[in-house]
Structure formats: structure tokens, C-alpha cells
Amino acid sequence: MTQVVFDSSALLVYFNGEAGADLVLTLVSDAIISSVNATEVQSRQVRKGEPPPAAWANIVTATQAIVPFDAVQAEIAGSLIRQTAPYGLSLGDRACLALAMTTGCAVYTADRAWAQLQIGVPIHLVR
């Protein structure tokens, strides 16, 4: 299968056993995630009470790679602000999209607002 990019919301759906978790599970072996989004997932899981080492181990296990957020992605994420602001996308969301744009991978998210975006990468909803 081709590599895919997970948004934070996709991993959280999986970790929380929500609707869409089965689809996310089928993609785990091919998924990469931005280090920015991994930070978001780690923060959410630790806030819920998960021990930090266990939370991080789960992220590492549920993805093929955690990709460092670099200068090219930073420029792209910053440049997406006008296109994404009407839909309420955060910096983390734009970091995810920047990773997809630099790798040419499809993105998987639980955020329905993303379906409205036309930015040159396939966006799939997990639920």
C-alpha cells in the first residue's frame, strides 16, 4: 500500500475506540505523522491520565514514522492560512497538510471541515 498521513484526530479516533477506528487500524502499517501532530496526540493522551512513556509508545506503534516538522513544511503550513482559516484549521492541522503536500500522500482525518479543502492532496475522512 502507499504511505498515508494521519492527522491527530485519526490517531485519537483509533486510541479512543471511536467510530472509524477500524479504518485507521487498516492504515497503521502505512501511516506517517508530523512531529507536530504527534505532540498533539501525546498531549491529549497525557492530559487524560495516560503515563507519558506509554502514550508515546502507542504513537510510535500506531505509525510507520514520526516525521520532523522542517522549514519547507513550516513555509507551506504558514502559506495555507488563508485557505484553511474559514474552516477553523489550527497550526497542527496545517502541519499535517504540509506533510501530505511535501510527500504527495493522502491525508486521513476525523475533521469533517477538511472535506471542503481543495489543496492538491487527497483528504479522506475516517468517519
C-alpha atoms as a PDB file:
ATOM      1  CA  MET A   1       0.000   0.000   0.000  1.00  0.00           C
ATOM      2  CA  THR A   2       1.021   3.622  -0.482  1.00  0.00           C
ATOM      3  CA  GLN A   3       2.074   5.690   2.507  1.00  0.00           C
ATOM      4  CA  VAL A   4      -0.601   7.873   4.127  1.00  0.00           C
ATOM      5  CA  VAL A   5      -0.510  10.808   6.556  1.00  0.00           C
ATOM      6  CA  PHE A   6      -2.501  10.705   9.788  1.00  0.00           C
ATOM      7  CA  ASP A   7      -3.947  13.824  11.303  1.00  0.00           C
ATOM      8  CA  SER A   8      -4.002  13.922  15.105  1.00  0.00           C
ATOM      9  CA  SER A   9      -7.734  13.279  15.027  1.00  0.00           C
ATOM     10  CA  ALA A  10      -7.303   9.991  13.156  1.00  0.00           C
ATOM     11  CA  LEU A  11      -4.977   8.594  15.816  1.00  0.00           C
ATOM     12  CA  LEU A  12      -7.241   9.838  18.591  1.00  0.00           C
ATOM     13  CA  VAL A  13     -10.204   8.071  16.983  1.00  0.00           C
ATOM     14  CA  TYR A  14      -8.141   4.886  16.981  1.00  0.00           C
ATOM     15  CA  PHE A  15      -6.854   5.243  20.543  1.00  0.00           C
ATOM     16  CA  ASN A  16     -10.318   6.092  21.886  1.00  0.00           C
ATOM     17  CA  GLY A  17     -12.064   3.258  20.035  1.00  0.00           C
ATOM     18  CA  GLU A  18     -14.429   5.672  18.311  1.00  0.00           C
ATOM     19  CA  ALA A  19     -16.293   5.206  15.045  1.00  0.00           C
ATOM     20  CA  GLY A  20     -13.659   4.968  12.312  1.00  0.00           C
ATOM     21  CA  ALA A  21     -11.092   3.163  14.471  1.00  0.00           C
ATOM     22  CA  ASP A  22     -11.352   0.049  12.285  1.00  0.00           C
ATOM     23  CA  LEU A  23     -10.386   2.028   9.179  1.00  0.00           C
ATOM     24  CA  VAL A  24      -7.463   3.678  10.980  1.00  0.00           C
ATOM     25  CA  LEU A  25      -6.257   0.239  12.107  1.00  0.00           C
ATOM     26  CA  THR A  26      -6.062  -0.936   8.480  1.00  0.00           C
ATOM     27  CA  LEU A  27      -3.771   2.017   7.674  1.00  0.00           C
ATOM     28  CA  VAL A  28      -1.393   1.881  10.662  1.00  0.00           C
ATOM     29  CA  SER A  29       1.376  -0.007   8.873  1.00  0.00           C
ATOM     30  CA  ASP A  30       1.494   2.639   6.127  1.00  0.00           C
ATOM     31  CA  ALA A  31       0.934   5.793   8.180  1.00  0.00           C
ATOM     32  CA  ILE A  32       3.286   8.647   8.923  1.00  0.00           C
ATOM     33  CA  ILE A  33       2.555  11.602  11.186  1.00  0.00           C
ATOM     34  CA  SER A  34       4.082  15.035  11.597  1.00  0.00           C
ATOM     35  CA  SER A  35       6.025  15.574  14.798  1.00  0.00           C
ATOM     36  CA  VAL A  36       3.629  18.471  15.451  1.00  0.00           C
ATOM     37  CA  ASN A  37       0.649  16.137  15.320  1.00  0.00           C
ATOM     38  CA  ALA A  38       2.429  13.516  17.406  1.00  0.00           C
ATOM     39  CA  THR A  39       2.869  16.239  20.032  1.00  0.00           C
ATOM     40  CA  GLU A  40      -0.862  16.970  19.928  1.00  0.00           C
ATOM     41  CA  VAL A  41      -1.748  13.306  20.385  1.00  0.00           C
ATOM     42  CA  GLN A  42       0.799  12.895  23.188  1.00  0.00           C
ATOM     43  CA  SER A  43      -0.615  15.955  24.955  1.00  0.00           C
ATOM     44  CA  ARG A  44      -4.201  14.725  24.729  1.00  0.00           C
ATOM     45  CA  GLN A  45      -3.355  11.241  25.973  1.00  0.00           C
ATOM     46  CA  VAL A  46      -1.252  12.515  28.880  1.00  0.00           C
ATOM     47  CA  ARG A  47      -3.968  15.023  29.820  1.00  0.00           C
ATOM     48  CA  LYS A  48      -6.401  12.095  30.004  1.00  0.00           C
ATOM     49  CA  GLY A  49      -4.090  10.388  32.505  1.00  0.00           C
ATOM     50  CA  GLU A  50      -2.015   8.058  30.353  1.00  0.00           C
ATOM     51  CA  PRO A  51       1.598   7.815  31.519  1.00  0.00           C
ATOM     52  CA  PRO A  52       3.815   9.791  29.091  1.00  0.00           C
ATOM     53  CA  PRO A  53       6.056   6.842  28.101  1.00  0.00           C
ATOM     54  CA  ALA A  54       3.016   4.665  27.344  1.00  0.00           C
ATOM     55  CA  ALA A  55       1.324   7.423  25.361  1.00  0.00           C
ATOM     56  CA  TRP A  56       4.444   7.931  23.264  1.00  0.00           C
ATOM     57  CA  ALA A  57       4.917   4.190  22.732  1.00  0.00           C
ATOM     58  CA  ASN A  58       1.359   3.971  21.418  1.00  0.00           C
ATOM     59  CA  ILE A  59       2.010   6.742  18.899  1.00  0.00           C
ATOM     60  CA  VAL A  60       5.223   5.091  17.722  1.00  0.00           C
ATOM     61  CA  THR A  61       3.461   1.724  17.404  1.00  0.00           C
ATOM     62  CA  ALA A  62       0.493   3.176  15.515  1.00  0.00           C
ATOM     63  CA  THR A  63       2.586   4.842  12.809  1.00  0.00           C
ATOM     64  CA  GLN A  64       5.382   3.903  10.448  1.00  0.00           C
ATOM     65  CA  ALA A  65       7.279   7.115  11.209  1.00  0.00           C
ATOM     66  CA  ILE A  66       7.098  10.416  13.041  1.00  0.00           C
ATOM     67  CA  VAL A  67       8.367  12.966  10.542  1.00  0.00           C
ATOM     68  CA  PRO A  68      10.172  16.064  11.855  1.00  0.00           C
ATOM     69  CA  PHE A  69       8.498  19.381  11.033  1.00  0.00           C
ATOM     70  CA  ASP A  70      11.029  21.182   8.858  1.00  0.00           C
ATOM     71  CA  ALA A  71      11.466  24.596   7.254  1.00  0.00           C
ATOM     72  CA  VAL A  72       9.765  23.596   3.996  1.00  0.00           C
ATOM     73  CA  GLN A  73       6.725  22.318   5.879  1.00  0.00           C
ATOM     74  CA  ALA A  74       6.723  25.448   8.042  1.00  0.00           C
ATOM     75  CA  GLU A  75       6.561  27.660   4.964  1.00  0.00           C
ATOM     76  CA  ILE A  76       3.736  25.593   3.471  1.00  0.00           C
ATOM     77  CA  ALA A  77       1.781  25.493   6.742  1.00  0.00           C
ATOM     78  CA  GLY A  78       2.072  29.253   7.094  1.00  0.00           C
ATOM     79  CA  SER A  79       1.025  29.762   3.500  1.00  0.00           C
ATOM     80  CA  LEU A  80      -2.156  27.705   3.960  1.00  0.00           C
ATOM     81  CA  ILE A  81      -3.651  30.141   6.479  1.00  0.00           C
ATOM     82  CA  ARG A  82      -5.986  31.944   4.051  1.00  0.00           C
ATOM     83  CA  GLN A  83      -7.313  28.728   2.523  1.00  0.00           C
ATOM     84  CA  THR A  84      -7.859  26.999   5.858  1.00  0.00           C
ATOM     85  CA  ALA A  85      -8.910  29.790   8.246  1.00  0.00           C
ATOM     86  CA  PRO A  86     -12.550  29.760   7.060  1.00  0.00           C
ATOM     87  CA  TYR A  87     -12.738  26.123   8.184  1.00  0.00           C
ATOM     88  CA  GLY A  88     -11.108  26.690  11.572  1.00  0.00           C
ATOM     89  CA  LEU A  89      -7.953  24.674  10.937  1.00  0.00           C
ATOM     90  CA  SER A  90      -5.181  25.006  13.514  1.00  0.00           C
ATOM     91  CA  LEU A  91      -1.427  25.169  13.088  1.00  0.00           C
ATOM     92  CA  GLY A  92      -1.319  21.449  13.814  1.00  0.00           C
ATOM     93  CA  ASP A  93      -3.853  20.812  11.065  1.00  0.00           C
ATOM     94  CA  ARG A  94      -1.798  22.856   8.627  1.00  0.00           C
ATOM     95  CA  ALA A  95       1.375  20.995   9.678  1.00  0.00           C
ATOM     96  CA  CYS A  96      -0.372  17.751   8.791  1.00  0.00           C
ATOM     97  CA  LEU A  97      -1.429  19.102   5.417  1.00  0.00           C
ATOM     98  CA  ALA A  98       2.080  20.414   4.765  1.00  0.00           C
ATOM     99  CA  LEU A  99       3.499  16.939   5.389  1.00  0.00           C
ATOM    100  CA  ALA A 100       0.989  15.483   2.939  1.00  0.00           C
ATOM    101  CA  MET A 101       1.868  18.102   0.351  1.00  0.00           C
ATOM    102  CA  THR A 102       5.620  17.527   0.651  1.00  0.00           C
ATOM    103  CA  THR A 103       5.284  13.741   0.483  1.00  0.00           C
ATOM    104  CA  GLY A 104       2.423  13.521  -2.012  1.00  0.00           C
ATOM    105  CA  CYS A 105       0.481  11.306   0.381  1.00  0.00           C
ATOM    106  CA  ALA A 106      -3.229  11.212   1.099  1.00  0.00           C
ATOM    107  CA  VAL A 107      -4.379  12.506   4.486  1.00  0.00           C
ATOM    108  CA  TYR A 108      -6.726  10.750   6.908  1.00  0.00           C
ATOM    109  CA  THR A 109      -8.620  12.868   9.425  1.00  0.00           C
ATOM    110  CA  ALA A 110     -11.776  12.829  11.530  1.00  0.00           C
ATOM    111  CA  ASP A 111     -12.271  16.556  10.998  1.00  0.00           C
ATOM    112  CA  ARG A 112     -15.178  16.928   8.555  1.00  0.00           C
ATOM    113  CA  ALA A 113     -14.281  20.536   7.707  1.00  0.00           C
ATOM    114  CA  TRP A 114     -11.250  19.265   5.813  1.00  0.00           C
ATOM    115  CA  ALA A 115     -13.504  17.731   3.154  1.00  0.00           C
ATOM    116  CA  GLN A 116     -14.112  21.284   1.865  1.00  0.00           C
ATOM    117  CA  LEU A 117     -10.426  21.922   1.167  1.00  0.00           C
ATOM    118  CA  GLN A 118      -9.006  21.971  -2.344  1.00  0.00           C
ATOM    119  CA  ILE A 119      -5.245  21.974  -1.793  1.00  0.00           C
ATOM    120  CA  GLY A 120      -3.950  19.314  -4.163  1.00  0.00           C
ATOM    121  CA  VAL A 121      -3.803  16.287  -1.863  1.00  0.00           C
ATOM    122  CA  PRO A 122      -6.487  13.648  -1.311  1.00  0.00           C
ATOM    123  CA  ILE A 123      -8.260  14.077   2.020  1.00  0.00           C
ATOM    124  CA  HIS A 124     -10.158  11.115   3.464  1.00  0.00           C
ATOM    125  CA  LEU A 125     -12.476  11.149   6.453  1.00  0.00           C
ATOM    126  CA  VAL A 126     -12.139   8.210   8.835  1.00  0.00           C
ATOM    127  CA  ARG A 127     -15.796   8.503   9.866  1.00  0.00           C
END
